[in-house]
Amino acid sequence: ALASFSIRGTPTAEEEDLMAFLLSSEHVRLDLYDRLES
């Protein structure tokens, strides 16, 4: 439902890094949120 609110299609450099982190590991990491506090 939230994705339908999106009006911007181009990711920022920070968003590219975040997606790379979220999508590159073999598994969804259990330390995911500890690594993303910033």
PDB file of all heavy atoms in Angstrom:
ATOM      1  N   ALA A   1       0.829  -1.210   0.000  1.00  0.00           N
ATOM      2  CA  ALA A   1       0.000   0.000   0.000  1.00  0.00           C
ATOM      3  C   ALA A   1       0.859   1.254   0.000  1.00  0.00           C
ATOM      4  O   ALA A   1       0.581   2.218  -0.725  1.00  0.00           O
ATOM      5  CB  ALA A   1      -0.929  -0.009   1.213  1.00  0.00           C
ATOM      6  N   LEU A   2       1.936   1.263   0.800  1.00  0.00           N
ATOM      7  CA  LEU A   2       2.796   2.442   0.886  1.00  0.00           C
ATOM      8  C   LEU A   2       3.524   2.722  -0.420  1.00  0.00           C
ATOM      9  O   LEU A   2       3.751   3.884  -0.780  1.00  0.00           O
ATOM     10  CB  LEU A   2       3.823   2.260   1.998  1.00  0.00           C
ATOM     11  CG  LEU A   2       3.381   2.536   3.432  1.00  0.00           C
ATOM     12  CD1 LEU A   2       4.546   2.310   4.374  1.00  0.00           C
ATOM     13  CD2 LEU A   2       2.867   3.957   3.583  1.00  0.00           C
ATOM     14  N   ALA A   3       3.911   1.662  -1.145  1.00  0.00           N
ATOM     15  CA  ALA A   3       4.659   1.846  -2.382  1.00  0.00           C
ATOM     16  C   ALA A   3       3.876   2.663  -3.400  1.00  0.00           C
ATOM     17  O   ALA A   3       4.460   3.355  -4.244  1.00  0.00           O
ATOM     18  CB  ALA A   3       5.038   0.487  -2.964  1.00  0.00           C
ATOM     19  N   SER A   4       2.559   2.612  -3.309  1.00  0.00           N
ATOM     20  CA  SER A   4       1.731   3.368  -4.252  1.00  0.00           C
ATOM     21  C   SER A   4       1.772   4.864  -4.006  1.00  0.00           C
ATOM     22  O   SER A   4       1.335   5.645  -4.855  1.00  0.00           O
ATOM     23  CB  SER A   4       0.282   2.874  -4.178  1.00  0.00           C
ATOM     24  OG  SER A   4       0.200   1.515  -4.562  1.00  0.00           O
ATOM     25  N   PHE A   5       2.295   5.283  -2.840  1.00  0.00           N
ATOM     26  CA  PHE A   5       2.418   6.710  -2.554  1.00  0.00           C
ATOM     27  C   PHE A   5       3.667   7.314  -3.199  1.00  0.00           C
ATOM     28  O   PHE A   5       3.842   8.523  -3.195  1.00  0.00           O
ATOM     29  CB  PHE A   5       2.493   6.943  -1.039  1.00  0.00           C
ATOM     30  CG  PHE A   5       1.171   6.818  -0.327  1.00  0.00           C
ATOM     31  CD1 PHE A   5       0.636   5.586  -0.014  1.00  0.00           C
ATOM     32  CD2 PHE A   5       0.459   7.959   0.041  1.00  0.00           C
ATOM     33  CE1 PHE A   5      -0.579   5.467   0.651  1.00  0.00           C
ATOM     34  CE2 PHE A   5      -0.751   7.855   0.703  1.00  0.00           C
ATOM     35  CZ  PHE A   5      -1.272   6.609   1.005  1.00  0.00           C
ATOM     36  N   SER A   6       4.525   6.472  -3.754  1.00  0.00           N
ATOM     37  CA  SER A   6       5.800   6.951  -4.282  1.00  0.00           C
ATOM     38  C   SER A   6       5.586   7.816  -5.525  1.00  0.00           C
ATOM     39  O   SER A   6       4.856   7.445  -6.442  1.00  0.00           O
ATOM     40  CB  SER A   6       6.694   5.765  -4.635  1.00  0.00           C
ATOM     41  OG  SER A   6       7.928   6.201  -5.138  1.00  0.00           O
ATOM     42  N   ILE A   7       6.236   8.977  -5.542  1.00  0.00           N
ATOM     43  CA  ILE A   7       6.156   9.873  -6.696  1.00  0.00           C
ATOM     44  C   ILE A   7       7.553  10.165  -7.254  1.00  0.00           C
ATOM     45  O   ILE A   7       7.704  11.009  -8.130  1.00  0.00           O
ATOM     46  CB  ILE A   7       5.435  11.190  -6.345  1.00  0.00           C
ATOM     47  CG1 ILE A   7       6.143  11.914  -5.193  1.00  0.00           C
ATOM     48  CG2 ILE A   7       3.977  10.936  -6.012  1.00  0.00           C
ATOM     49  CD1 ILE A   7       5.573  13.294  -4.884  1.00  0.00           C
ATOM     50  N   ARG A   8       8.550   9.469  -6.763  1.00  0.00           N
ATOM     51  CA  ARG A   8       9.925   9.668  -7.227  1.00  0.00           C
ATOM     52  C   ARG A   8      10.497   8.325  -7.649  1.00  0.00           C
ATOM     53  O   ARG A   8      10.480   7.360  -6.897  1.00  0.00           O
ATOM     54  CB  ARG A   8      10.778  10.272  -6.107  1.00  0.00           C
ATOM     55  CG  ARG A   8      12.258  10.430  -6.450  1.00  0.00           C
ATOM     56  CD  ARG A   8      13.000  11.268  -5.412  1.00  0.00           C
ATOM     57  NE  ARG A   8      12.929  10.748  -4.063  1.00  0.00           N
ATOM     58  CZ  ARG A   8      13.702   9.765  -3.591  1.00  0.00           C
ATOM     59  NH1 ARG A   8      14.576   9.169  -4.387  1.00  0.00           N
ATOM     60  NH2 ARG A   8      13.587   9.368  -2.333  1.00  0.00           N
ATOM     61  N   GLY A   9      10.983   8.237  -8.876  1.00  0.00           N
ATOM     62  CA  GLY A   9      11.460   6.965  -9.386  1.00  0.00           C
ATOM     63  C   GLY A   9      12.950   6.797  -9.387  1.00  0.00           C
ATOM     64  O   GLY A   9      13.446   5.680  -9.591  1.00  0.00           O
ATOM     65  N   THR A  10      13.714   7.858  -9.173  1.00  0.00           N
ATOM     66  CA  THR A  10      15.175   7.786  -9.221  1.00  0.00           C
ATOM     67  C   THR A  10      15.732   7.726  -7.806  1.00  0.00           C
ATOM     68  O   THR A  10      15.482   8.633  -7.004  1.00  0.00           O
ATOM     69  CB  THR A  10      15.763   8.996  -9.951  1.00  0.00           C
ATOM     70  OG1 THR A  10      15.206   9.067 -11.267  1.00  0.00           O
ATOM     71  CG2 THR A  10      17.280   8.889 -10.045  1.00  0.00           C
ATOM     72  N   PRO A  11      16.491   6.685  -7.485  1.00  0.00           N
ATOM     73  CA  PRO A  11      17.044   6.584  -6.127  1.00  0.00           C
ATOM     74  C   PRO A  11      18.212   7.537  -5.929  1.00  0.00           C
ATOM     75  O   PRO A  11      18.955   7.863  -6.860  1.00  0.00           O
ATOM     76  CB  PRO A  11      17.506   5.132  -6.045  1.00  0.00           C
ATOM     77  CG  PRO A  11      17.773   4.737  -7.462  1.00  0.00           C
ATOM     78  CD  PRO A  11      16.786   5.493  -8.295  1.00  0.00           C
ATOM     79  N   THR A  12      18.385   7.976  -4.707  1.00  0.00           N
ATOM     80  CA  THR A  12      19.572   8.739  -4.336  1.00  0.00           C
ATOM     81  C   THR A  12      20.755   7.785  -4.201  1.00  0.00           C
ATOM     82  O   THR A  12      20.587   6.551  -4.180  1.00  0.00           O
ATOM     83  CB  THR A  12      19.355   9.470  -3.012  1.00  0.00           C
ATOM     84  OG1 THR A  12      19.197   8.495  -1.964  1.00  0.00           O
ATOM     85  CG2 THR A  12      18.106  10.361  -3.069  1.00  0.00           C
ATOM     86  N   ALA A  13      21.950   8.332  -4.086  1.00  0.00           N
ATOM     87  CA  ALA A  13      23.134   7.497  -3.891  1.00  0.00           C
ATOM     88  C   ALA A  13      23.024   6.693  -2.596  1.00  0.00           C
ATOM     89  O   ALA A  13      23.405   5.506  -2.546  1.00  0.00           O
ATOM     90  CB  ALA A  13      24.384   8.377  -3.870  1.00  0.00           C
ATOM     91  N   GLU A  14      22.494   7.320  -1.541  1.00  0.00           N
ATOM     92  CA  GLU A  14      22.321   6.603  -0.283  1.00  0.00           C
ATOM     93  C   GLU A  14      21.323   5.462  -0.446  1.00  0.00           C
ATOM     94  O   GLU A  14      21.513   4.364   0.101  1.00  0.00           O
ATOM     95  CB  GLU A  14      21.848   7.553   0.815  1.00  0.00           C
ATOM     96  CG  GLU A  14      21.678   6.867   2.165  1.00  0.00           C
ATOM     97  CD  GLU A  14      21.109   7.773   3.246  1.00  0.00           C
ATOM     98  OE1 GLU A  14      20.893   8.975   2.965  1.00  0.00           O
ATOM     99  OE2 GLU A  14      20.876   7.278   4.356  1.00  0.00           O
ATOM    100  N   GLU A  15      20.245   5.699  -1.207  1.00  0.00           N
ATOM    101  CA  GLU A  15      19.256   4.644  -1.433  1.00  0.00           C
ATOM    102  C   GLU A  15      19.847   3.503  -2.263  1.00  0.00           C
ATOM    103  O   GLU A  15      19.516   2.329  -2.037  1.00  0.00           O
ATOM    104  CB  GLU A  15      18.020   5.230  -2.100  1.00  0.00           C
ATOM    105  CG  GLU A  15      17.189   6.083  -1.150  1.00  0.00           C
ATOM    106  CD  GLU A  15      16.082   6.857  -1.853  1.00  0.00           C
ATOM    107  OE1 GLU A  15      16.163   7.051  -3.087  1.00  0.00           O
ATOM    108  OE2 GLU A  15      15.135   7.284  -1.156  1.00  0.00           O
ATOM    109  N   GLU A  16      20.694   3.818  -3.216  1.00  0.00           N
ATOM    110  CA  GLU A  16      21.366   2.765  -3.982  1.00  0.00           C
ATOM    111  C   GLU A  16      22.218   1.899  -3.058  1.00  0.00           C
ATOM    112  O   GLU A  16      22.220   0.663  -3.161  1.00  0.00           O
ATOM    113  CB  GLU A  16      22.236   3.368  -5.085  1.00  0.00           C
ATOM    114  CG  GLU A  16      21.472   3.854  -6.307  1.00  0.00           C
ATOM    115  CD  GLU A  16      20.940   2.719  -7.179  1.00  0.00           C
ATOM    116  OE1 GLU A  16      21.095   1.537  -6.800  1.00  0.00           O
ATOM    117  OE2 GLU A  16      20.353   3.020  -8.229  1.00  0.00           O
ATOM    118  N   ASP A  17      22.933   2.529  -2.155  1.00  0.00           N
ATOM    119  CA  ASP A  17      23.750   1.771  -1.202  1.00  0.00           C
ATOM    120  C   ASP A  17      22.869   0.901  -0.301  1.00  0.00           C
ATOM    121  O   ASP A  17      23.214  -0.253   0.003  1.00  0.00           O
ATOM    122  CB  ASP A  17      24.586   2.725  -0.348  1.00  0.00           C
ATOM    123  CG  ASP A  17      25.697   3.399  -1.139  1.00  0.00           C
ATOM    124  OD1 ASP A  17      26.039   2.906  -2.229  1.00  0.00           O
ATOM    125  OD2 ASP A  17      26.211   4.438  -0.668  1.00  0.00           O
ATOM    126  N   LEU A  18      21.754   1.464   0.132  1.00  0.00           N
ATOM    127  CA  LEU A  18      20.849   0.718   1.005  1.00  0.00           C
ATOM    128  C   LEU A  18      20.274  -0.486   0.270  1.00  0.00           C
ATOM    129  O   LEU A  18      20.225  -1.603   0.815  1.00  0.00           O
ATOM    130  CB  LEU A  18      19.723   1.634   1.497  1.00  0.00           C
ATOM    131  CG  LEU A  18      18.625   1.008   2.360  1.00  0.00           C
ATOM    132  CD1 LEU A  18      19.221   0.340   3.598  1.00  0.00           C
ATOM    133  CD2 LEU A  18      17.610   2.078   2.767  1.00  0.00           C
ATOM    134  N   MET A  19      19.855  -0.301  -0.985  1.00  0.00           N
ATOM    135  CA  MET A  19      19.314  -1.428  -1.748  1.00  0.00           C
ATOM    136  C   MET A  19      20.380  -2.482  -2.009  1.00  0.00           C
ATOM    137  O   MET A  19      20.088  -3.690  -1.966  1.00  0.00           O
ATOM    138  CB  MET A  19      18.698  -0.931  -3.058  1.00  0.00           C
ATOM    139  CG  MET A  19      17.390  -0.191  -2.856  1.00  0.00           C
ATOM    140  SD  MET A  19      16.480   0.155  -4.388  1.00  0.00           S
ATOM    141  CE  MET A  19      17.513   1.429  -5.111  1.00  0.00           C
ATOM    142  N   ALA A  20      21.600  -2.045  -2.274  1.00  0.00           N
ATOM    143  CA  ALA A  20      22.684  -3.006  -2.472  1.00  0.00           C
ATOM    144  C   ALA A  20      22.893  -3.850  -1.225  1.00  0.00           C
ATOM    145  O   ALA A  20      23.093  -5.073  -1.302  1.00  0.00           O
ATOM    146  CB  ALA A  20      23.962  -2.272  -2.861  1.00  0.00           C
ATOM    147  N   PHE A  21      22.838  -3.217  -0.057  1.00  0.00           N
ATOM    148  CA  PHE A  21      22.991  -3.952   1.199  1.00  0.00           C
ATOM    149  C   PHE A  21      21.839  -4.938   1.392  1.00  0.00           C
ATOM    150  O   PHE A  21      22.041  -6.096   1.767  1.00  0.00           O
ATOM    151  CB  PHE A  21      23.055  -2.975   2.367  1.00  0.00           C
ATOM    152  CG  PHE A  21      23.059  -3.644   3.720  1.00  0.00           C
ATOM    153  CD1 PHE A  21      24.211  -4.231   4.212  1.00  0.00           C
ATOM    154  CD2 PHE A  21      21.904  -3.688   4.486  1.00  0.00           C
ATOM    155  CE1 PHE A  21      24.217  -4.860   5.454  1.00  0.00           C
ATOM    156  CE2 PHE A  21      21.900  -4.319   5.726  1.00  0.00           C
ATOM    157  CZ  PHE A  21      23.065  -4.905   6.207  1.00  0.00           C
ATOM    158  N   LEU A  22      20.627  -4.491   1.117  1.00  0.00           N
ATOM    159  CA  LEU A  22      19.451  -5.321   1.361  1.00  0.00           C
ATOM    160  C   LEU A  22      19.335  -6.478   0.378  1.00  0.00           C
ATOM    161  O   LEU A  22      18.764  -7.521   0.710  1.00  0.00           O
ATOM    162  CB  LEU A  22      18.186  -4.461   1.279  1.00  0.00           C
ATOM    163  CG  LEU A  22      18.018  -3.393   2.364  1.00  0.00           C
ATOM    164  CD1 LEU A  22      16.864  -2.461   2.017  1.00  0.00           C
ATOM    165  CD2 LEU A  22      17.780  -4.037   3.722  1.00  0.00           C
ATOM    166  N   LEU A  23      19.844  -6.311  -0.839  1.00  0.00           N
ATOM    167  CA  LEU A  23      19.611  -7.303  -1.894  1.00  0.00           C
ATOM    168  C   LEU A  23      20.824  -8.168  -2.215  1.00  0.00           C
ATOM    169  O   LEU A  23      20.680  -9.167  -2.922  1.00  0.00           O
ATOM    170  CB  LEU A  23      19.143  -6.601  -3.173  1.00  0.00           C
ATOM    171  CG  LEU A  23      17.837  -5.826  -3.075  1.00  0.00           C
ATOM    172  CD1 LEU A  23      17.527  -5.133  -4.397  1.00  0.00           C
ATOM    173  CD2 LEU A  23      16.688  -6.735  -2.675  1.00  0.00           C
ATOM    174  N   SER A  24      21.999  -7.824  -1.717  1.00  0.00           N
ATOM    175  CA  SER A  24      23.194  -8.540  -2.147  1.00  0.00           C
ATOM    176  C   SER A  24      23.538  -9.742  -1.282  1.00  0.00           C
ATOM    177  O   SER A  24      24.185 -10.682  -1.754  1.00  0.00           O
ATOM    178  CB  SER A  24      24.393  -7.585  -2.178  1.00  0.00           C
ATOM    179  OG  SER A  24      24.661  -7.072  -0.875  1.00  0.00           O
ATOM    180  N   SER A  25      23.133  -9.741  -0.032  1.00  0.00           N
ATOM    181  CA  SER A  25      23.489 -10.858   0.841  1.00  0.00           C
ATOM    182  C   SER A  25      22.674 -12.098   0.478  1.00  0.00           C
ATOM    183  O   SER A  25      21.589 -12.007  -0.087  1.00  0.00           O
ATOM    184  CB  SER A  25      23.234 -10.490   2.305  1.00  0.00           C
ATOM    185  OG  SER A  25      21.863 -10.213   2.510  1.00  0.00           O
ATOM    186  N   GLU A  26      23.214 -13.267   0.802  1.00  0.00           N
ATOM    187  CA  GLU A  26      22.508 -14.510   0.475  1.00  0.00           C
ATOM    188  C   GLU A  26      21.201 -14.622   1.236  1.00  0.00           C
ATOM    189  O   GLU A  26      20.199 -15.088   0.709  1.00  0.00           O
ATOM    190  CB  GLU A  26      23.394 -15.717   0.796  1.00  0.00           C
ATOM    191  CG  GLU A  26      22.754 -17.046   0.422  1.00  0.00           C
ATOM    192  CD  GLU A  26      23.643 -18.235   0.737  1.00  0.00           C
ATOM    193  OE1 GLU A  26      24.777 -18.010   1.203  1.00  0.00           O
ATOM    194  OE2 GLU A  26      23.200 -19.381   0.523  1.00  0.00           O
ATOM    195  N   HIS A  27      21.203 -14.175   2.487  1.00  0.00           N
ATOM    196  CA  HIS A  27      20.007 -14.225   3.319  1.00  0.00           C
ATOM    197  C   HIS A  27      19.705 -12.832   3.861  1.00  0.00           C
ATOM    198  O   HIS A  27      20.589 -11.969   3.914  1.00  0.00           O
ATOM    199  CB  HIS A  27      20.201 -15.186   4.490  1.00  0.00           C
ATOM    200  CG  HIS A  27      20.475 -16.597   4.078  1.00  0.00           C
ATOM    201  ND1 HIS A  27      19.496 -17.419   3.570  1.00  0.00           N
ATOM    202  CD2 HIS A  27      21.615 -17.318   4.074  1.00  0.00           C
ATOM    203  CE1 HIS A  27      20.021 -18.596   3.294  1.00  0.00           C
ATOM    204  NE2 HIS A  27      21.307 -18.560   3.583  1.00  0.00           N
ATOM    205  N   VAL A  28      18.445 -12.617   4.249  1.00  0.00           N
ATOM    206  CA  VAL A  28      18.113 -11.392   4.969  1.00  0.00           C
ATOM    207  C   VAL A  28      18.825 -11.466   6.302  1.00  0.00           C
ATOM    208  O   VAL A  28      18.609 -12.381   7.099  1.00  0.00           O
ATOM    209  CB  VAL A  28      16.594 -11.253   5.169  1.00  0.00           C
ATOM    210  CG1 VAL A  28      16.272 -10.032   6.007  1.00  0.00           C
ATOM    211  CG2 VAL A  28      15.892 -11.154   3.822  1.00  0.00           C
ATOM    212  N   ARG A  29      19.679 -10.522   6.544  1.00  0.00           N
ATOM    213  CA  ARG A  29      20.607 -10.611   7.667  1.00  0.00           C
ATOM    214  C   ARG A  29      19.884 -10.394   8.997  1.00  0.00           C
ATOM    215  O   ARG A  29      19.054  -9.502   9.126  1.00  0.00           O
ATOM    216  CB  ARG A  29      21.711  -9.580   7.505  1.00  0.00           C
ATOM    217  CG  ARG A  29      22.487  -9.705   6.197  1.00  0.00           C
ATOM    218  CD  ARG A  29      23.435  -8.531   6.012  1.00  0.00           C
ATOM    219  NE  ARG A  29      24.466  -8.525   7.033  1.00  0.00           N
ATOM    220  CZ  ARG A  29      25.758  -8.686   6.777  1.00  0.00           C
ATOM    221  NH1 ARG A  29      26.171  -8.878   5.544  1.00  0.00           N
ATOM    222  NH2 ARG A  29      26.643  -8.657   7.745  1.00  0.00           N
ATOM    223  N   LEU A  30      20.235 -11.203   9.995  1.00  0.00           N
ATOM    224  CA  LEU A  30      19.657 -11.042  11.315  1.00  0.00           C
ATOM    225  C   LEU A  30      20.181  -9.781  12.007  1.00  0.00           C
ATOM    226  O   LEU A  30      19.545  -9.250  12.917  1.00  0.00           O
ATOM    227  CB  LEU A  30      19.953 -12.278  12.172  1.00  0.00           C
ATOM    228  CG  LEU A  30      19.307 -13.588  11.687  1.00  0.00           C
ATOM    229  CD1 LEU A  30      19.641 -14.720  12.641  1.00  0.00           C
ATOM    230  CD2 LEU A  30      17.802 -13.440  11.547  1.00  0.00           C
ATOM    231  N   ASP A  31      21.361  -9.288  11.543  1.00  0.00           N
ATOM    232  CA  ASP A  31      21.877  -8.052  12.116  1.00  0.00           C
ATOM    233  C   ASP A  31      21.517  -6.839  11.260  1.00  0.00           C
ATOM    234  O   ASP A  31      22.142  -5.782  11.353  1.00  0.00           O
ATOM    235  CB  ASP A  31      23.397  -8.126  12.281  1.00  0.00           C
ATOM    236  CG  ASP A  31      24.127  -8.268  10.935  1.00  0.00           C
ATOM    237  OD1 ASP A  31      23.456  -8.515   9.923  1.00  0.00           O
ATOM    238  OD2 ASP A  31      25.363  -8.125  10.915  1.00  0.00           O
ATOM    239  N   LEU A  32      20.475  -7.017  10.461  1.00  0.00           N
ATOM    240  CA  LEU A  32      20.078  -5.995   9.489  1.00  0.00           C
ATOM    241  C   LEU A  32      19.955  -4.615  10.102  1.00  0.00           C
ATOM    242  O   LEU A  32      20.591  -3.648   9.665  1.00  0.00           O
ATOM    243  CB  LEU A  32      18.744  -6.409   8.848  1.00  0.00           C
ATOM    244  CG  LEU A  32      18.061  -5.399   7.943  1.00  0.00           C
ATOM    245  CD1 LEU A  32      18.810  -5.298   6.627  1.00  0.00           C
ATOM    246  CD2 LEU A  32      16.618  -5.816   7.675  1.00  0.00           C
ATOM    247  N   TYR A  33      19.149  -4.504  11.147  1.00  0.00           N
ATOM    248  CA  TYR A  33      18.845  -3.184  11.677  1.00  0.00           C
ATOM    249  C   TYR A  33      20.003  -2.601  12.479  1.00  0.00           C
ATOM    250  O   TYR A  33      20.183  -1.371  12.503  1.00  0.00           O
ATOM    251  CB  TYR A  33      17.556  -3.230  12.488  1.00  0.00           C
ATOM    252  CG  TYR A  33      16.379  -3.699  11.651  1.00  0.00           C
ATOM    253  CD1 TYR A  33      15.681  -4.856  11.954  1.00  0.00           C
ATOM    254  CD2 TYR A  33      15.978  -2.984  10.523  1.00  0.00           C
ATOM    255  CE1 TYR A  33      14.618  -5.291  11.184  1.00  0.00           C
ATOM    256  CE2 TYR A  33      14.918  -3.414   9.736  1.00  0.00           C
ATOM    257  CZ  TYR A  33      14.239  -4.571  10.064  1.00  0.00           C
ATOM    258  OH  TYR A  33      13.199  -4.995   9.289  1.00  0.00           O
ATOM    259  N   ASP A  34      20.800  -3.463  13.113  1.00  0.00           N
ATOM    260  CA  ASP A  34      21.989  -2.958  13.806  1.00  0.00           C
ATOM    261  C   ASP A  34      22.939  -2.282  12.824  1.00  0.00           C
ATOM    262  O   ASP A  34      23.603  -1.297  13.169  1.00  0.00           O
ATOM    263  CB  ASP A  34      22.723  -4.100  14.516  1.00  0.00           C
ATOM    264  CG  ASP A  34      21.968  -4.605  15.727  1.00  0.00           C
ATOM    265  OD1 ASP A  34      21.096  -3.851  16.215  1.00  0.00           O
ATOM    266  OD2 ASP A  34      22.234  -5.732  16.171  1.00  0.00           O
ATOM    267  N   ARG A  35      22.985  -2.800  11.611  1.00  0.00           N
ATOM    268  CA  ARG A  35      23.888  -2.254  10.606  1.00  0.00           C
ATOM    269  C   ARG A  35      23.335  -0.998   9.937  1.00  0.00           C
ATOM    270  O   ARG A  35      24.038  -0.341   9.169  1.00  0.00           O
ATOM    271  CB  ARG A  35      24.150  -3.312   9.527  1.00  0.00           C
ATOM    272  CG  ARG A  35      24.819  -4.576  10.033  1.00  0.00           C
ATOM    273  CD  ARG A  35      26.318  -4.392  10.170  1.00  0.00           C
ATOM    274  NE  ARG A  35      26.928  -4.093   8.880  1.00  0.00           N
ATOM    275  CZ  ARG A  35      27.320  -5.007   8.004  1.00  0.00           C
ATOM    276  NH1 ARG A  35      27.166  -6.299   8.303  1.00  0.00           N
ATOM    277  NH2 ARG A  35      27.879  -4.660   6.869  1.00  0.00           N
ATOM    278  N   LEU A  36      22.058  -0.683  10.198  1.00  0.00           N
ATOM    279  CA  LEU A  36      21.400   0.404   9.477  1.00  0.00           C
ATOM    280  C   LEU A  36      20.957   1.548  10.387  1.00  0.00           C
ATOM    281  O   LEU A  36      20.105   2.348  10.001  1.00  0.00           O
ATOM    282  CB  LEU A  36      20.186  -0.140   8.704  1.00  0.00           C
ATOM    283  CG  LEU A  36      20.509  -1.106   7.562  1.00  0.00           C
ATOM    284  CD1 LEU A  36      19.232  -1.665   6.968  1.00  0.00           C
ATOM    285  CD2 LEU A  36      21.344  -0.426   6.484  1.00  0.00           C
ATOM    286  N   GLU A  37      21.507   1.644  11.570  1.00  0.00           N
ATOM    287  CA  GLU A  37      21.102   2.705  12.486  1.00  0.00           C
ATOM    288  C   GLU A  37      21.398   4.098  11.931  1.00  0.00           C
ATOM    289  O   GLU A  37      20.734   5.071  12.290  1.00  0.00           O
ATOM    290  CB  GLU A  37      21.784   2.527  13.842  1.00  0.00           C
ATOM    291  CG  GLU A  37      21.236   1.360  14.645  1.00  0.00           C
ATOM    292  CD  GLU A  37      21.819   1.299  16.039  1.00  0.00           C
ATOM    293  OE1 GLU A  37      22.512   2.266  16.425  1.00  0.00           O
ATOM    294  OE2 GLU A  37      21.588   0.301  16.740  1.00  0.00           O
ATOM    295  N   SER A  38      22.361   4.190  11.042  1.00  0.00           N
ATOM    296  CA  SER A  38      22.688   5.494  10.460  1.00  0.00           C
ATOM    297  C   SER A  38      21.850   5.830   9.234  1.00  0.00           C
ATOM    298  O   SER A  38      21.968   6.924   8.682  1.00  0.00           O
ATOM    299  CB  SER A  38      24.173   5.536  10.071  1.00  0.00           C
ATOM    300  OG  SER A  38      24.456   4.548   9.089  1.00  0.00           O
TER     301      SER A  38
END
